[in-house]
C-alpha atoms as a PDB file:
ATOM      1  CA  MET A   1      36.960  37.057  73.692  1.00  0.00           C
ATOM      2  CA  ASN A   2      36.702  40.521  72.363  1.00  0.00           C
ATOM      3  CA  ALA A   3      39.895  41.679  70.639  1.00  0.00           C
ATOM      4  CA  GLU A   4      39.524  45.315  72.113  1.00  0.00           C
ATOM      5  CA  ILE A   5      39.853  43.960  75.646  1.00  0.00           C
ATOM      6  CA  ALA A   6      42.331  41.069  74.922  1.00  0.00           C
ATOM      7  CA  THR A   7      45.689  41.767  76.581  1.00  0.00           C
ATOM      8  CA  GLU A   8      48.895  39.725  76.197  1.00  0.00           C
ATOM      9  CA  PHE A   9      51.516  39.850  78.978  1.00  0.00           C
ATOM     10  CA  ASP A  10      54.886  38.820  78.003  1.00  0.00           C
ATOM     11  CA  THR A  11      56.885  38.333  81.289  1.00  0.00           C
ATOM     12  CA  GLU A  12      59.784  36.498  79.745  1.00  0.00           C
ATOM     13  CA  GLY A  13      62.967  37.916  80.971  1.00  0.00           C
ATOM     14  CA  VAL A  14      61.353  40.100  83.695  1.00  0.00           C
ATOM     15  CA  GLN A  15      62.829  39.383  87.028  1.00  0.00           C
ATOM     16  CA  LYS A  16      62.366  41.202  90.173  1.00  0.00           C
ATOM     17  CA  ASN A  17      63.987  40.997  93.779  1.00  0.00           C
ATOM     18  CA  PHE A  18      61.285  40.013  96.244  1.00  0.00           C
ATOM     19  CA  MET A  19      61.456  39.856  99.958  1.00  0.00           C
ATOM     20  CA  PHE A  20      58.860  37.862 101.872  1.00  0.00           C
ATOM     21  CA  VAL A  21      58.853  38.966 105.594  1.00  0.00           C
ATOM     22  CA  ASN A  22      57.358  36.448 107.877  1.00  0.00           C
ATOM     23  CA  ARG A  23      56.515  38.058 111.121  1.00  0.00           C
ATOM     24  CA  LYS A  24      53.546  36.046 112.622  1.00  0.00           C
ATOM     25  CA  ALA A  25      53.513  32.924 114.619  1.00  0.00           C
ATOM     26  CA  PRO A  26      52.641  29.858 112.420  1.00  0.00           C
ATOM     27  CA  TYR A  27      49.374  29.116 113.755  1.00  0.00           C
ATOM     28  CA  GLY A  28      46.459  31.131 115.015  1.00  0.00           C
ATOM     29  CA  SER A  29      46.051  33.081 111.722  1.00  0.00           C
ATOM     30  CA  ILE A  30      46.266  32.624 108.049  1.00  0.00           C
ATOM     31  CA  TYR A  31      49.254  35.059 107.516  1.00  0.00           C
ATOM     32  CA  ALA A  32      52.074  32.302 107.749  1.00  0.00           C
ATOM     33  CA  LEU A  33      50.392  29.982 105.318  1.00  0.00           C
ATOM     34  CA  GLU A  34      49.643  32.731 102.827  1.00  0.00           C
ATOM     35  CA  ALA A  35      53.167  33.969 102.983  1.00  0.00           C
ATOM     36  CA  LEU A  36      54.426  30.471 102.291  1.00  0.00           C
ATOM     37  CA  GLU A  37      52.126  30.273  99.158  1.00  0.00           C
ATOM     38  CA  MET A  38      53.403  33.620  97.913  1.00  0.00           C
ATOM     39  CA  VAL A  39      57.025  32.322  98.146  1.00  0.00           C
ATOM     40  CA  LEU A  40      56.123  29.198  96.257  1.00  0.00           C
ATOM     41  CA  ILE A  41      54.382  31.060  93.433  1.00  0.00           C
ATOM     42  CA  SER A  42      57.525  33.315  93.004  1.00  0.00           C
ATOM     43  CA  ALA A  43      59.553  30.183  92.428  1.00  0.00           C
ATOM     44  CA  ALA A  44      57.284  29.145  89.606  1.00  0.00           C
ATOM     45  CA  PHE A  45      58.109  32.410  87.925  1.00  0.00           C
ATOM     46  CA  GLU A  46      61.959  32.134  88.879  1.00  0.00           C
ATOM     47  CA  GLN A  47      61.950  35.308  90.719  1.00  0.00           C
ATOM     48  CA  ASN A  48      64.626  36.212  93.081  1.00  0.00           C
ATOM     49  CA  ALA A  49      63.642  35.943  96.649  1.00  0.00           C
ATOM     50  CA  VAL A  50      64.687  36.643 100.160  1.00  0.00           C
ATOM     51  CA  ILE A  51      62.508  34.788 102.674  1.00  0.00           C
ATOM     52  CA  ALA A  52      62.963  36.563 106.015  1.00  0.00           C
ATOM     53  CA  PHE A  53      61.855  35.294 109.362  1.00  0.00           C
ATOM     54  CA  ILE A  54      61.488  38.035 112.154  1.00  0.00           C
ATOM     55  CA  ASP A  55      59.569  38.575 115.305  1.00  0.00           C
ATOM     56  CA  ASP A  56      57.226  35.514 116.155  1.00  0.00           C
ATOM     57  CA  GLY A  57      57.864  34.423 112.378  1.00  0.00           C
ATOM     58  CA  VAL A  58      60.914  32.604 113.549  1.00  0.00           C
ATOM     59  CA  TYR A  59      58.551  30.086 115.108  1.00  0.00           C
ATOM     60  CA  GLN A  60      57.500  29.034 111.663  1.00  0.00           C
ATOM     61  CA  ILE A  61      60.743  27.105 110.911  1.00  0.00           C
ATOM     62  CA  VAL A  62      61.286  25.723 114.460  1.00  0.00           C
ATOM     63  CA  LYS A  63      61.914  21.897 114.261  1.00  0.00           C
ATOM     64  CA  GLY A  64      59.451  19.316 115.716  1.00  0.00           C
ATOM     65  CA  GLN A  65      56.212  21.239 115.660  1.00  0.00           C
ATOM     66  CA  ASP A  66      53.214  19.398 116.849  1.00  0.00           C
ATOM     67  CA  THR A  67      49.813  20.956 115.869  1.00  0.00           C
ATOM     68  CA  LYS A  68      47.497  18.075 117.017  1.00  0.00           C
ATOM     69  CA  ALA A  69      46.354  19.913 120.294  1.00  0.00           C
ATOM     70  CA  ALA A  70      45.649  23.000 118.087  1.00  0.00           C
ATOM     71  CA  GLY A  71      43.567  20.944 115.541  1.00  0.00           C
ATOM     72  CA  MET A  72      45.516  22.421 112.749  1.00  0.00           C
ATOM     73  CA  LYS A  73      47.455  20.932 109.913  1.00  0.00           C
ATOM     74  CA  ASN A  74      51.213  21.193 110.343  1.00  0.00           C
ATOM     75  CA  PHE A  75      52.396  23.098 107.229  1.00  0.00           C
ATOM     76  CA  SER A  76      55.951  23.375 108.532  1.00  0.00           C
ATOM     77  CA  PRO A  77      57.369  20.665 106.511  1.00  0.00           C
ATOM     78  CA  THR A  78      56.574  22.777 103.274  1.00  0.00           C
ATOM     79  CA  PHE A  79      59.483  24.976 104.321  1.00  0.00           C
ATOM     80  CA  GLY A  80      61.617  22.023 103.107  1.00  0.00           C
ATOM     81  CA  VAL A  81      60.514  22.822  99.604  1.00  0.00           C
ATOM     82  CA  ILE A  82      61.704  26.424  99.910  1.00  0.00           C
ATOM     83  CA  GLU A  83      65.092  24.928 101.000  1.00  0.00           C
ATOM     84  CA  MET A  84      64.963  22.627  98.092  1.00  0.00           C
ATOM     85  CA  GLU A  85      64.302  25.610  95.612  1.00  0.00           C
ATOM     86  CA  LYS A  86      67.092  27.507  97.010  1.00  0.00           C
ATOM     87  CA  GLU A  87      69.510  24.608  96.700  1.00  0.00           C
ATOM     88  CA  ASP A  88      68.239  24.118  93.075  1.00  0.00           C
ATOM     89  CA  ALA A  89      68.839  27.834  92.322  1.00  0.00           C
ATOM     90  CA  ASP A  90      72.214  27.627  93.779  1.00  0.00           C
ATOM     91  CA  GLU A  91      73.380  24.522  91.972  1.00  0.00           C
ATOM     92  CA  ASP A  92      71.628  24.617  88.516  1.00  0.00           C
ATOM     93  CA  PRO A  93      73.302  27.133  85.982  1.00  0.00           C
ATOM     94  CA  ASP A  94      69.889  27.054  83.879  1.00  0.00           C
ATOM     95  CA  ILE A  95      67.908  28.516  86.831  1.00  0.00           C
ATOM     96  CA  ASP A  96      68.338  32.189  86.859  1.00  0.00           C
ATOM     97  CA  MET A  97      67.214  33.048  90.329  1.00  0.00           C
ATOM     98  CA  VAL A  98      68.754  33.811  93.780  1.00  0.00           C
ATOM     99  CA  TRP A  99      67.002  32.728  96.989  1.00  0.00           C
ATOM    100  CA  ARG A 100      68.186  33.562 100.449  1.00  0.00           C
ATOM    101  CA  ILE A 101      66.658  32.362 103.645  1.00  0.00           C
ATOM    102  CA  VAL A 102      67.262  34.607 106.679  1.00  0.00           C
ATOM    103  CA  VAL A 103      66.521  35.033 110.272  1.00  0.00           C
ATOM    104  CA  GLU A 104      66.883  38.229 112.185  1.00  0.00           C
ATOM    105  CA  ARG A 105      69.370  37.463 115.115  1.00  0.00           C
ATOM    106  CA  ASP A 106      67.549  39.569 117.711  1.00  0.00           C
ATOM    107  CA  SER A 107      64.247  37.852 117.122  1.00  0.00           C
ATOM    108  CA  MET A 108      65.899  34.481 117.275  1.00  0.00           C
ATOM    109  CA  GLU A 109      67.710  35.230 120.377  1.00  0.00           C
ATOM    110  CA  GLN A 110      64.867  36.836 122.117  1.00  0.00           C
ATOM    111  CA  ARG A 111      62.954  33.671 121.898  1.00  0.00           C
ATOM    112  CA  GLY A 112      65.821  31.434 123.089  1.00  0.00           C
ATOM    113  CA  LEU A 113      66.502  30.011 119.717  1.00  0.00           C
ATOM    114  CA  THR A 114      69.616  29.204 117.765  1.00  0.00           C
ATOM    115  CA  ALA A 115      70.104  28.461 114.037  1.00  0.00           C
ATOM    116  CA  GLU A 116      70.299  24.750 115.035  1.00  0.00           C
ATOM    117  CA  ASP A 117      66.620  24.868 116.292  1.00  0.00           C
ATOM    118  CA  PHE A 118      65.197  25.405 112.792  1.00  0.00           C
ATOM    119  CA  SER A 119      64.117  22.737 110.292  1.00  0.00           C
ATOM    120  CA  ILE A 120      65.902  24.401 107.474  1.00  0.00           C
ATOM    121  CA  ALA A 121      69.284  26.156 106.815  1.00  0.00           C
ATOM    122  CA  VAL A 122      69.195  29.734 107.479  1.00  0.00           C
ATOM    123  CA  GLU A 123      71.524  32.874 107.309  1.00  0.00           C
ATOM    124  CA  VAL A 124      71.391  34.734 110.590  1.00  0.00           C
ATOM    125  CA  LEU A 125      71.536  38.542 110.152  1.00  0.00           C
ATOM    126  CA  ASP A 126      71.562  41.371 112.542  1.00  0.00           C
ATOM    127  CA  SER A 127      69.048  44.306 112.261  1.00  0.00           C
ATOM    128  CA  ALA A 128      71.108  46.553 110.191  1.00  0.00           C
ATOM    129  CA  GLU A 129      72.222  43.832 107.724  1.00  0.00           C
ATOM    130  CA  LEU A 130      68.480  42.930 107.313  1.00  0.00           C
ATOM    131  CA  ALA A 131      67.618  46.562 106.795  1.00  0.00           C
ATOM    132  CA  ASP A 132      70.212  46.918 104.037  1.00  0.00           C
ATOM    133  CA  LEU A 133      69.002  43.614 102.399  1.00  0.00           C
ATOM    134  CA  MET A 134      65.435  44.966 102.638  1.00  0.00           C
ATOM    135  CA  ASN A 135      66.207  48.155 101.075  1.00  0.00           C
ATOM    136  CA  ALA A 136      67.964  46.464  98.122  1.00  0.00           C
ATOM    137  CA  GLN A 137      64.632  44.626  97.137  1.00  0.00           C
ATOM    138  CA  ASP A 138      62.268  45.721  94.371  1.00  0.00           C
ATOM    139  CA  VAL A 139      59.148  44.261  96.285  1.00  0.00           C
ATOM    140  CA  VAL A 140      58.755  43.748  99.998  1.00  0.00           C
ATOM    141  CA  LEU A 141      55.749  41.750 101.241  1.00  0.00           C
ATOM    142  CA  SER A 142      55.118  41.322 104.902  1.00  0.00           C
ATOM    143  CA  ALA A 143      52.707  39.058 106.635  1.00  0.00           C
END
């Protein structure tokens, strides 16, 4: 490789606060799966993350999804990995990252759902709390 264009990136110790906003229904587009992949990549780099589910995005984490009729692969079990990453970050002092999994209360209630309907443990926040949390992030990605 040409030494003039070679670049070294030293990311050790660099940590940002990311929010991944999931707004779309889980199937019918690529948005939900792409957002999930971004979240998993952030874990590999031990970045702080808030994974937020609003609007139809709350359907991404509803228990008991059956995608056979739609002819699509059910990727919802992968959200269990996010929950495990959060638990690892909470419990292991050697992991320097904070993860939160949140659902907007209005989005959940407008769809007739409760926190017990979700396949992973979530924090339920009202719109103002979610807005404050969003404003506290370095990077907000919405899909």
